[in-house]
Amino acid sequence: MAPSAQVAIQALRSFEAAQGLSPLQADSEALVEGPVFLKGNQRTGRFLLRAEAGLGEGLLIGGQSESQPEATGTWGPLPLDFFG
């Protein structure tokens, strides 16, 4: 959850760089105005942005792993600049 698409994407890129992950690609090139929710999926290599107000602000990180069940969980909300 971020105040703009640009802030959300910057937070995503900082997280990817800090974790050594390949950059996700946007599902759409459509411009989203105002507060947004960004959801990334490492399995598909894609992320989506949608307009969303009222959820607050921060990073939520969800881990899901069949081979490593201890990595399953949700962490956050963390500050948007936590990895930056």
C-alpha atoms as a PDB file:
ATOM      1  CA  MET A   1       0.000   0.000   0.000  1.00  0.00           C
ATOM      2  CA  ALA A   2       1.547   3.270  -1.104  1.00  0.00           C
ATOM      3  CA  PRO A   3       0.513   6.858  -1.842  1.00  0.00           C
ATOM      4  CA  SER A   4       1.348   6.424  -5.561  1.00  0.00           C
ATOM      5  CA  ALA A   5       2.332   3.859  -8.162  1.00  0.00           C
ATOM      6  CA  GLN A   6       5.813   5.361  -8.371  1.00  0.00           C
ATOM      7  CA  VAL A   7       6.419   4.973  -4.617  1.00  0.00           C
ATOM      8  CA  ALA A   8       5.076   1.398  -4.688  1.00  0.00           C
ATOM      9  CA  ILE A   9       7.299   0.382  -7.599  1.00  0.00           C
ATOM     10  CA  GLN A  10      10.362   1.972  -5.961  1.00  0.00           C
ATOM     11  CA  ALA A  11       9.667  -0.016  -2.774  1.00  0.00           C
ATOM     12  CA  LEU A  12       9.338  -3.194  -4.869  1.00  0.00           C
ATOM     13  CA  ARG A  13      12.618  -2.516  -6.687  1.00  0.00           C
ATOM     14  CA  SER A  14      14.433  -1.859  -3.382  1.00  0.00           C
ATOM     15  CA  PHE A  15      13.090  -5.149  -1.973  1.00  0.00           C
ATOM     16  CA  GLU A  16      14.136  -7.070  -5.108  1.00  0.00           C
ATOM     17  CA  ALA A  17      17.652  -5.586  -5.005  1.00  0.00           C
ATOM     18  CA  ALA A  18      18.069  -6.269  -1.276  1.00  0.00           C
ATOM     19  CA  GLN A  19      16.971  -9.894  -1.714  1.00  0.00           C
ATOM     20  CA  GLY A  20      18.822 -10.538  -4.993  1.00  0.00           C
ATOM     21  CA  LEU A  21      15.582 -11.217  -6.867  1.00  0.00           C
ATOM     22  CA  SER A  22      14.926 -10.754 -10.565  1.00  0.00           C
ATOM     23  CA  PRO A  23      12.731  -7.704 -11.272  1.00  0.00           C
ATOM     24  CA  LEU A  24       9.051  -8.466 -11.697  1.00  0.00           C
ATOM     25  CA  GLN A  25       7.259  -7.191 -14.801  1.00  0.00           C
ATOM     26  CA  ALA A  26       4.035  -5.166 -14.685  1.00  0.00           C
ATOM     27  CA  ASP A  27       0.813  -6.919 -15.699  1.00  0.00           C
ATOM     28  CA  SER A  28      -0.316  -3.681 -17.320  1.00  0.00           C
ATOM     29  CA  GLU A  29       1.228  -0.434 -18.508  1.00  0.00           C
ATOM     30  CA  ALA A  30      -1.936   1.448 -17.478  1.00  0.00           C
ATOM     31  CA  LEU A  31      -1.300   4.439 -15.241  1.00  0.00           C
ATOM     32  CA  VAL A  32      -2.879   4.121 -11.789  1.00  0.00           C
ATOM     33  CA  GLU A  33      -3.577   7.449 -10.049  1.00  0.00           C
ATOM     34  CA  GLY A  34      -3.577   8.065  -6.303  1.00  0.00           C
ATOM     35  CA  PRO A  35      -3.032   5.504  -3.523  1.00  0.00           C
ATOM     36  CA  VAL A  36      -2.288   1.974  -4.744  1.00  0.00           C
ATOM     37  CA  PHE A  37      -1.958  -1.632  -3.708  1.00  0.00           C
ATOM     38  CA  LEU A  38       0.859  -3.538  -5.435  1.00  0.00           C
ATOM     39  CA  LYS A  39       0.919  -7.317  -5.444  1.00  0.00           C
ATOM     40  CA  GLY A  40       3.949  -9.167  -6.776  1.00  0.00           C
ATOM     41  CA  ASN A  41       4.210 -12.862  -7.549  1.00  0.00           C
ATOM     42  CA  GLN A  42       7.653 -14.474  -7.850  1.00  0.00           C
ATOM     43  CA  ARG A  43       6.148 -17.620  -9.407  1.00  0.00           C
ATOM     44  CA  THR A  44       4.687 -15.732 -12.358  1.00  0.00           C
ATOM     45  CA  GLY A  45       7.335 -12.996 -12.462  1.00  0.00           C
ATOM     46  CA  ARG A  46       4.591 -10.345 -12.631  1.00  0.00           C
ATOM     47  CA  PHE A  47       3.112  -7.626 -10.439  1.00  0.00           C
ATOM     48  CA  LEU A  48      -0.172  -5.760 -10.556  1.00  0.00           C
ATOM     49  CA  LEU A  49      -1.185  -2.327  -9.330  1.00  0.00           C
ATOM     50  CA  ARG A  50      -4.703  -1.321  -8.409  1.00  0.00           C
ATOM     51  CA  ALA A  51      -6.163   1.873  -6.995  1.00  0.00           C
ATOM     52  CA  GLU A  52      -6.814   1.377  -3.301  1.00  0.00           C
ATOM     53  CA  ALA A  53      -7.469   3.915  -0.573  1.00  0.00           C
ATOM     54  CA  GLY A  54      -7.867   3.475   3.157  1.00  0.00           C
ATOM     55  CA  LEU A  55      -5.588   0.471   3.725  1.00  0.00           C
ATOM     56  CA  GLY A  56      -2.799   2.459   5.320  1.00  0.00           C
ATOM     57  CA  GLU A  57       0.761   2.502   4.066  1.00  0.00           C
ATOM     58  CA  GLY A  58       3.577  -0.049   4.133  1.00  0.00           C
ATOM     59  CA  LEU A  59       5.021  -3.300   2.850  1.00  0.00           C
ATOM     60  CA  LEU A  60       3.427  -6.659   3.554  1.00  0.00           C
ATOM     61  CA  ILE A  61       5.602  -9.609   2.609  1.00  0.00           C
ATOM     62  CA  GLY A  62       4.018 -13.028   2.270  1.00  0.00           C
ATOM     63  CA  GLY A  63       6.095 -16.172   1.983  1.00  0.00           C
ATOM     64  CA  GLN A  64       4.673 -19.399   0.604  1.00  0.00           C
ATOM     65  CA  SER A  65       6.775 -22.474   0.052  1.00  0.00           C
ATOM     66  CA  GLU A  66       5.790 -26.103  -0.262  1.00  0.00           C
ATOM     67  CA  SER A  67       9.418 -27.211   0.036  1.00  0.00           C
ATOM     68  CA  GLN A  68      10.192 -24.885   2.978  1.00  0.00           C
ATOM     69  CA  PRO A  69       7.044 -24.563   5.119  1.00  0.00           C
ATOM     70  CA  GLU A  70       8.979 -22.536   7.715  1.00  0.00           C
ATOM     71  CA  ALA A  71       9.140 -19.731   5.123  1.00  0.00           C
ATOM     72  CA  THR A  72       5.344 -19.466   5.058  1.00  0.00           C
ATOM     73  CA  GLY A  73       3.920 -16.412   6.764  1.00  0.00           C
ATOM     74  CA  THR A  74       3.233 -12.709   6.461  1.00  0.00           C
ATOM     75  CA  TRP A  75       5.491  -9.953   7.733  1.00  0.00           C
ATOM     76  CA  GLY A  76       4.672  -6.269   8.110  1.00  0.00           C
ATOM     77  CA  PRO A  77       3.517  -3.750   7.576  1.00  0.00           C
ATOM     78  CA  LEU A  78       7.057  -2.452   7.184  1.00  0.00           C
ATOM     79  CA  PRO A  79       7.978   1.118   6.156  1.00  0.00           C
ATOM     80  CA  LEU A  80       8.008   1.648   2.385  1.00  0.00           C
ATOM     81  CA  ASP A  81      11.716   2.520   2.554  1.00  0.00           C
ATOM     82  CA  PHE A  82      12.613  -0.494   4.720  1.00  0.00           C
ATOM     83  CA  PHE A  83      14.878  -1.973   1.992  1.00  0.00           C
ATOM     84  CA  GLY A  84      15.959   1.351   0.496  1.00  0.00           C
END
